[in-house]
N, C-alpha and C. Protein backbone atom coordinates (compact mmCIF):
# COMPACT_ATOMS: atom_id res chain seq x y z
N GLN A 1 1.01 -1.18 0.02
CA GLN A 1 0.10 0.11 0.03
C GLN A 1 0.86 1.21 -0.11
N VAL A 2 0.72 2.14 -0.67
CA VAL A 2 0.83 3.99 -0.59
C VAL A 2 0.53 4.53 -0.29
N GLN A 3 1.09 5.37 0.39
CA GLN A 3 0.50 6.86 1.47
C GLN A 3 0.82 7.90 0.80
N LEU A 4 0.05 8.63 0.66
CA LEU A 4 0.67 10.49 0.11
C LEU A 4 0.25 11.12 1.61
N VAL A 5 1.07 11.78 2.17
CA VAL A 5 0.76 12.55 3.03
C VAL A 5 1.56 14.21 2.92
N GLU A 6 0.43 14.71 2.78
CA GLU A 6 0.40 16.38 2.47
C GLU A 6 0.47 17.18 3.61
N SER A 7 1.17 18.27 3.60
CA SER A 7 1.51 19.06 4.41
C SER A 7 1.36 20.44 3.94
N GLY A 8 1.56 21.51 4.75
CA GLY A 8 1.59 23.04 4.56
C GLY A 8 0.19 23.92 4.14
N GLY A 9 -0.85 23.61 4.05
CA GLY A 9 -1.79 24.19 3.91
C GLY A 9 -2.58 25.39 4.95
N GLY A 10 -2.93 26.23 4.84
CA GLY A 10 -3.58 27.17 6.00
C GLY A 10 -4.41 28.14 5.62
N LEU A 11 -4.22 29.19 6.52
CA LEU A 11 -4.99 30.59 6.03
C LEU A 11 -3.82 31.53 5.55
N VAL A 12 -3.96 32.33 4.55
CA VAL A 12 -3.57 33.15 3.97
C VAL A 12 -4.01 34.37 3.59
N GLN A 13 -3.39 35.77 3.76
CA GLN A 13 -4.36 36.69 3.32
C GLN A 13 -3.77 36.73 1.58
N PRO A 14 -4.89 37.47 0.90
CA PRO A 14 -4.39 38.04 -0.40
C PRO A 14 -2.85 38.24 -0.58
N GLY A 15 -2.17 38.03 -1.63
CA GLY A 15 -1.08 38.38 -2.17
C GLY A 15 0.11 37.53 -1.02
N GLY A 16 -0.25 36.89 -0.28
CA GLY A 16 0.73 36.04 0.44
C GLY A 16 0.78 34.55 -0.32
N SER A 17 1.76 33.99 0.61
CA SER A 17 2.35 32.92 0.07
C SER A 17 2.34 31.82 0.96
N LEU A 18 2.35 30.38 0.28
CA LEU A 18 1.88 29.12 0.97
C LEU A 18 2.84 28.02 0.18
N ARG A 19 3.71 26.96 0.93
CA ARG A 19 3.72 25.93 0.29
C ARG A 19 3.53 24.77 0.40
N LEU A 20 3.30 23.91 -0.34
CA LEU A 20 2.70 22.71 0.33
C LEU A 20 3.71 21.57 -0.24
N SER A 21 3.30 20.65 0.60
CA SER A 21 4.54 19.35 0.42
C SER A 21 3.72 18.23 0.44
N CYS A 22 4.22 17.19 -0.03
CA CYS A 22 3.49 16.03 -0.53
C CYS A 22 4.38 14.93 -0.44
N THR A 23 4.49 13.52 0.42
CA THR A 23 5.74 12.68 0.48
C THR A 23 5.02 11.49 0.17
N ALA A 24 5.01 10.13 -0.65
CA ALA A 24 4.75 9.38 -0.97
C ALA A 24 5.83 8.15 0.08
N SER A 25 4.86 7.22 0.78
CA SER A 25 5.83 6.05 1.50
C SER A 25 4.81 5.32 1.43
N GLY A 26 5.50 3.90 2.06
CA GLY A 26 4.89 2.68 1.96
C GLY A 26 5.52 1.77 0.98
N ASN A 27 4.79 1.02 -0.08
CA ASN A 27 5.11 0.33 -1.38
C ASN A 27 5.38 0.67 -2.09
N ILE A 28 6.34 1.73 -2.54
CA ILE A 28 6.84 2.43 -3.49
C ILE A 28 8.25 2.03 -3.90
N LEU A 29 8.39 1.73 -5.08
CA LEU A 29 9.49 1.65 -5.64
C LEU A 29 9.93 2.87 -6.56
N ILE A 30 9.52 3.65 -7.05
CA ILE A 30 9.49 4.92 -7.90
C ILE A 30 8.13 5.39 -8.51
N SER A 31 8.56 6.61 -8.22
CA SER A 31 7.30 7.77 -8.51
C SER A 31 7.33 8.33 -9.94
N SER A 32 6.61 8.36 -10.36
CA SER A 32 6.60 8.96 -11.96
C SER A 32 6.08 10.38 -12.12
N ASP A 33 5.03 10.43 -12.48
CA ASP A 33 4.39 11.94 -12.53
C ASP A 33 3.67 12.20 -11.01
N MET A 34 4.12 13.34 -10.66
CA MET A 34 3.32 13.78 -9.53
C MET A 34 2.62 15.03 -9.89
N GLY A 35 1.81 15.48 -9.19
CA GLY A 35 1.18 16.80 -9.12
C GLY A 35 0.20 17.36 -8.06
N TRP A 36 -0.45 18.21 -8.43
CA TRP A 36 -1.32 18.78 -7.68
C TRP A 36 -2.76 19.13 -8.31
N PHE A 37 -3.66 18.90 -7.49
CA PHE A 37 -4.92 19.40 -8.24
C PHE A 37 -5.84 20.17 -6.86
N ARG A 38 -6.58 20.53 -7.25
CA ARG A 38 -7.87 21.30 -5.91
C ARG A 38 -9.34 21.30 -6.43
N GLN A 39 -9.98 21.58 -5.43
CA GLN A 39 -11.43 21.33 -5.45
C GLN A 39 -11.84 22.37 -4.82
N ALA A 40 -12.62 23.47 -5.29
CA ALA A 40 -13.44 24.21 -4.56
C ALA A 40 -14.87 23.70 -4.26
N PRO A 41 -15.50 24.23 -2.92
CA PRO A 41 -16.91 23.68 -2.91
C PRO A 41 -17.70 24.30 -4.03
N GLY A 42 -18.31 23.16 -4.21
CA GLY A 42 -19.51 23.04 -5.55
C GLY A 42 -18.90 23.23 -6.57
N LYS A 43 -17.28 22.82 -6.83
CA LYS A 43 -16.77 23.03 -8.24
C LYS A 43 -16.21 21.48 -8.25
N GLN A 44 -15.73 21.18 -9.57
CA GLN A 44 -15.09 20.13 -9.83
C GLN A 44 -13.91 20.01 -9.64
N ARG A 45 -12.99 18.89 -9.33
CA ARG A 45 -11.55 18.81 -9.15
C ARG A 45 -10.51 19.42 -10.42
N GLU A 46 -9.82 20.22 -10.11
CA GLU A 46 -9.33 20.81 -11.37
C GLU A 46 -7.76 20.70 -11.32
N LEU A 47 -6.81 20.45 -12.45
CA LEU A 47 -5.70 20.00 -12.25
C LEU A 47 -4.84 21.88 -12.04
N VAL A 48 -3.69 21.60 -10.78
CA VAL A 48 -3.43 22.76 -10.95
C VAL A 48 -2.02 22.92 -11.19
N ALA A 49 -1.19 21.63 -11.24
CA ALA A 49 -0.05 21.93 -11.71
C ALA A 49 0.66 19.84 -11.57
N THR A 50 1.56 19.63 -12.88
CA THR A 50 1.90 18.08 -12.58
C THR A 50 3.65 18.37 -12.86
N ILE A 51 4.23 17.31 -12.56
CA ILE A 51 5.91 17.34 -13.16
C ILE A 51 6.21 15.89 -13.28
N THR A 52 6.93 15.87 -14.30
CA THR A 52 7.29 14.47 -14.34
C THR A 52 8.70 14.35 -13.77
N ARG A 53 8.96 13.03 -13.70
CA ARG A 53 10.19 12.50 -12.72
C ARG A 53 11.39 13.56 -13.38
N GLY A 54 11.52 13.45 -14.76
CA GLY A 54 12.47 14.13 -15.22
C GLY A 54 12.63 15.66 -15.07
N GLY A 55 11.61 16.41 -14.43
CA GLY A 55 11.20 17.87 -14.17
C GLY A 55 10.56 18.79 -15.30
N GLY A 56 9.67 17.57 -16.48
CA GLY A 56 8.83 18.41 -16.99
C GLY A 56 7.71 19.07 -16.36
N THR A 57 7.52 20.37 -16.24
CA THR A 57 6.15 20.98 -15.69
C THR A 57 5.06 21.25 -16.58
N ASN A 58 3.78 21.24 -15.85
CA ASN A 58 2.67 21.95 -16.94
C ASN A 58 1.85 22.24 -15.87
N TYR A 59 1.03 23.52 -15.98
CA TYR A 59 0.38 24.65 -15.15
C TYR A 59 -1.10 24.77 -15.71
N ALA A 60 -1.85 25.01 -14.49
CA ALA A 60 -3.27 25.79 -15.33
C ALA A 60 -2.70 27.16 -15.73
N ASP A 61 -3.70 27.42 -16.32
CA ASP A 61 -3.24 29.00 -16.77
C ASP A 61 -3.98 29.74 -15.96
N SER A 62 -4.35 29.49 -14.77
CA SER A 62 -4.75 30.15 -13.77
C SER A 62 -3.57 30.43 -12.69
N VAL A 63 -2.97 29.58 -12.61
CA VAL A 63 -2.10 29.67 -11.74
C VAL A 63 -0.12 30.00 -12.29
N LYS A 64 -0.47 30.26 -13.85
CA LYS A 64 1.08 30.24 -14.18
C LYS A 64 1.62 31.71 -13.88
N GLY A 65 3.01 31.79 -13.65
CA GLY A 65 3.54 32.84 -13.25
C GLY A 65 3.50 32.97 -11.61
N ARG A 66 2.32 32.08 -10.76
CA ARG A 66 2.41 32.58 -9.58
C ARG A 66 2.85 31.19 -8.66
N PHE A 67 2.69 30.01 -9.14
CA PHE A 67 2.75 28.75 -8.64
C PHE A 67 4.08 28.30 -9.28
N THR A 68 4.54 27.36 -8.25
CA THR A 68 5.90 26.66 -8.68
C THR A 68 6.04 25.19 -8.54
N ILE A 69 5.91 24.14 -9.16
CA ILE A 69 6.01 22.71 -8.65
C ILE A 69 7.53 22.19 -8.97
N SER A 70 7.79 21.32 -7.96
CA SER A 70 9.22 20.89 -7.90
C SER A 70 8.88 19.66 -7.07
N ARG A 71 9.89 18.82 -7.19
CA ARG A 71 9.98 17.84 -6.54
C ARG A 71 11.45 17.26 -6.32
N ASP A 72 11.53 16.10 -5.32
CA ASP A 72 12.76 15.52 -4.88
C ASP A 72 12.36 14.20 -4.80
N ASN A 73 13.18 13.51 -6.10
CA ASN A 73 12.68 12.06 -6.44
C ASN A 73 13.61 11.32 -5.14
N ALA A 74 14.46 11.31 -4.52
CA ALA A 74 15.21 10.63 -3.66
C ALA A 74 14.05 10.36 -2.72
N LYS A 75 13.31 11.63 -2.10
CA LYS A 75 12.44 11.74 -1.16
C LYS A 75 10.92 11.27 -1.46
N ASN A 76 10.88 10.79 -2.81
CA ASN A 76 9.49 10.61 -3.33
C ASN A 76 8.56 11.77 -3.05
N THR A 77 9.08 13.18 -2.85
CA THR A 77 8.36 14.42 -2.48
C THR A 77 7.99 15.52 -3.83
N VAL A 78 6.86 15.86 -3.79
CA VAL A 78 6.57 17.27 -4.76
C VAL A 78 5.87 18.39 -3.35
N TYR A 79 6.43 19.23 -4.35
CA TYR A 79 6.25 20.79 -3.47
C TYR A 79 5.50 21.45 -4.74
N LEU A 80 4.58 22.40 -3.82
CA LEU A 80 4.01 23.79 -4.39
C LEU A 80 4.36 24.90 -3.77
N GLN A 81 4.83 25.60 -4.41
CA GLN A 81 5.47 27.01 -3.91
C GLN A 81 4.09 27.93 -4.44
N MET A 82 3.32 28.44 -3.51
CA MET A 82 2.18 29.34 -4.28
C MET A 82 2.42 30.61 -3.73
N ASN A 83 2.69 31.63 -4.88
CA ASN A 83 2.91 32.80 -4.50
C ASN A 83 1.79 34.02 -5.17
N SER A 84 1.40 35.21 -4.42
CA SER A 84 0.51 36.12 -5.06
C SER A 84 -0.93 35.28 -4.84
N LEU A 85 -1.27 34.87 -3.66
CA LEU A 85 -2.49 34.12 -3.64
C LEU A 85 -3.81 34.68 -3.93
N LYS A 86 -4.77 34.38 -4.39
CA LYS A 86 -5.97 35.23 -4.52
C LYS A 86 -6.91 34.62 -4.04
N PRO A 87 -7.94 35.08 -3.72
CA PRO A 87 -9.11 34.34 -2.99
C PRO A 87 -9.96 33.34 -3.66
N GLU A 88 -9.59 33.43 -4.94
CA GLU A 88 -10.06 32.29 -5.72
C GLU A 88 -9.34 30.68 -5.98
N ASP A 89 -8.14 31.13 -5.33
CA ASP A 89 -7.00 30.03 -5.26
C ASP A 89 -7.77 29.10 -3.94
N ALA A 90 -8.83 29.52 -3.28
CA ALA A 90 -9.00 29.05 -1.91
C ALA A 90 -9.86 27.41 -2.44
N ALA A 91 -9.18 26.42 -1.74
CA ALA A 91 -9.86 25.02 -2.19
C ALA A 91 -9.01 24.03 -1.26
N VAL A 92 -9.48 22.80 -1.41
CA VAL A 92 -8.63 21.53 -0.93
C VAL A 92 -7.74 21.30 -2.15
N TYR A 93 -6.46 21.28 -1.55
CA TYR A 93 -5.31 20.77 -2.53
C TYR A 93 -4.97 19.30 -2.38
N TYR A 94 -5.18 18.79 -3.42
CA TYR A 94 -5.20 17.44 -3.35
C TYR A 94 -3.65 16.93 -4.13
N CYS A 95 -2.81 15.96 -3.62
CA CYS A 95 -1.61 15.46 -4.18
C CYS A 95 -1.89 14.24 -4.86
N TYR A 96 -1.37 14.23 -6.22
CA TYR A 96 -1.31 12.93 -6.84
C TYR A 96 -0.08 12.54 -7.30
N MET A 97 -0.04 10.98 -7.18
CA MET A 97 1.38 10.41 -7.76
C MET A 97 0.67 9.23 -8.38
N LYS A 98 1.53 9.15 -9.58
CA LYS A 98 1.54 7.51 -10.55
C LYS A 98 3.05 7.06 -9.93
N GLY A 99 2.83 5.65 -9.87
CA GLY A 99 4.55 5.24 -9.45
C GLY A 99 4.23 3.69 -9.71
N LEU A 100 5.06 3.15 -9.07
CA LEU A 100 5.51 1.73 -9.42
C LEU A 100 5.79 1.21 -8.03
N THR A 101 5.18 0.04 -7.64
CA THR A 101 5.44 -0.37 -6.33
C THR A 101 6.72 -1.56 -6.28
N ARG A 102 7.17 -2.34 -5.42
CA ARG A 102 8.12 -3.12 -5.48
C ARG A 102 7.79 -4.19 -5.99
N GLN A 103 6.68 -4.62 -6.33
CA GLN A 103 6.03 -5.60 -7.09
C GLN A 103 5.86 -5.36 -8.43
N TYR A 104 6.21 -4.31 -8.82
CA TYR A 104 6.51 -3.60 -10.22
C TYR A 104 5.11 -3.51 -10.88
N SER A 105 3.97 -3.08 -9.91
CA SER A 105 2.61 -2.94 -10.10
C SER A 105 2.63 -1.65 -10.46
N THR A 106 1.62 -0.64 -11.38
CA THR A 106 1.56 0.56 -11.30
C THR A 106 0.34 0.77 -10.33
N VAL A 107 0.72 2.24 -9.62
CA VAL A 107 -0.60 2.65 -8.82
C VAL A 107 -0.74 4.11 -8.96
N ASP A 108 -1.94 4.63 -8.39
CA ASP A 108 -2.50 6.00 -9.20
C ASP A 108 -3.08 6.32 -7.79
N CYS A 109 -2.27 7.33 -7.12
CA CYS A 109 -2.29 7.69 -5.52
C CYS A 109 -2.84 8.98 -5.38
N TRP A 110 -3.81 9.26 -4.23
CA TRP A 110 -4.14 10.62 -3.99
C TRP A 110 -3.95 10.55 -2.28
N GLY A 111 -3.48 12.08 -2.29
CA GLY A 111 -3.26 12.57 -0.68
C GLY A 111 -5.05 12.73 -0.29
N GLN A 112 -4.71 13.21 1.12
CA GLN A 112 -5.95 13.40 1.71
C GLN A 112 -6.76 14.75 1.50
N GLY A 113 -6.09 15.47 1.03
CA GLY A 113 -5.93 16.85 0.65
C GLY A 113 -5.72 17.74 2.05
N THR A 114 -5.49 19.28 1.80
CA THR A 114 -4.96 20.08 2.46
C THR A 114 -5.76 21.32 2.07
N GLN A 115 -6.45 22.18 3.31
CA GLN A 115 -7.18 23.28 3.10
C GLN A 115 -6.35 24.52 2.87
N VAL A 116 -6.77 25.28 1.69
CA VAL A 116 -6.23 26.49 1.76
C VAL A 116 -7.06 27.61 1.48
N THR A 117 -7.11 28.48 2.52
CA THR A 117 -8.09 29.60 2.91
C THR A 117 -7.47 30.72 2.19
N VAL A 118 -7.54 32.01 1.60
CA VAL A 118 -7.11 33.02 1.28
C VAL A 118 -8.18 34.14 1.67
N SER A 119 -8.00 34.68 2.34
CA SER A 119 -8.75 35.68 2.90
C SER A 119 -8.08 36.46 4.11
N SER A 120 -8.72 38.15 3.43
CA SER A 120 -8.40 39.31 4.86
C SER A 120 -8.67 39.07 6.01
C-alpha cells in the first residue's frame, strides 16, 4: 500500500504565499508523474500543476507565473510553492502520484487533501 501525506495548507491573506508538500511512503519503488489538483466548494476537481520525474512541468493557466511545482525524487516528495495568492485559489488541494510498487505494479494515488484558505 502507498500513502501520500500532504502538509503546508492554512490561512493566508491575499497576496501571501504558502508552500505545500506531499511525500509518498509505503510500498513504492519509484514515482513517475506527480502533481497537485484542487477542488473548491461546488466545483469540480481541477488540475493545478504536474511534474514528470525528469522535471517537465505543466500548469493551469490560472496559476502560471504564481505557482511553482518541484520535486525531490530521492524523497518521493513533491512541492507546490504558491505566491501572490488570490481568494479564488482557496480550495482543498490534493496531491497525486503515479508510480511503481516493489512488485512492479503501477499505482495511482491521491492524498487526503489539505485546505488552503485565502482571506483577509
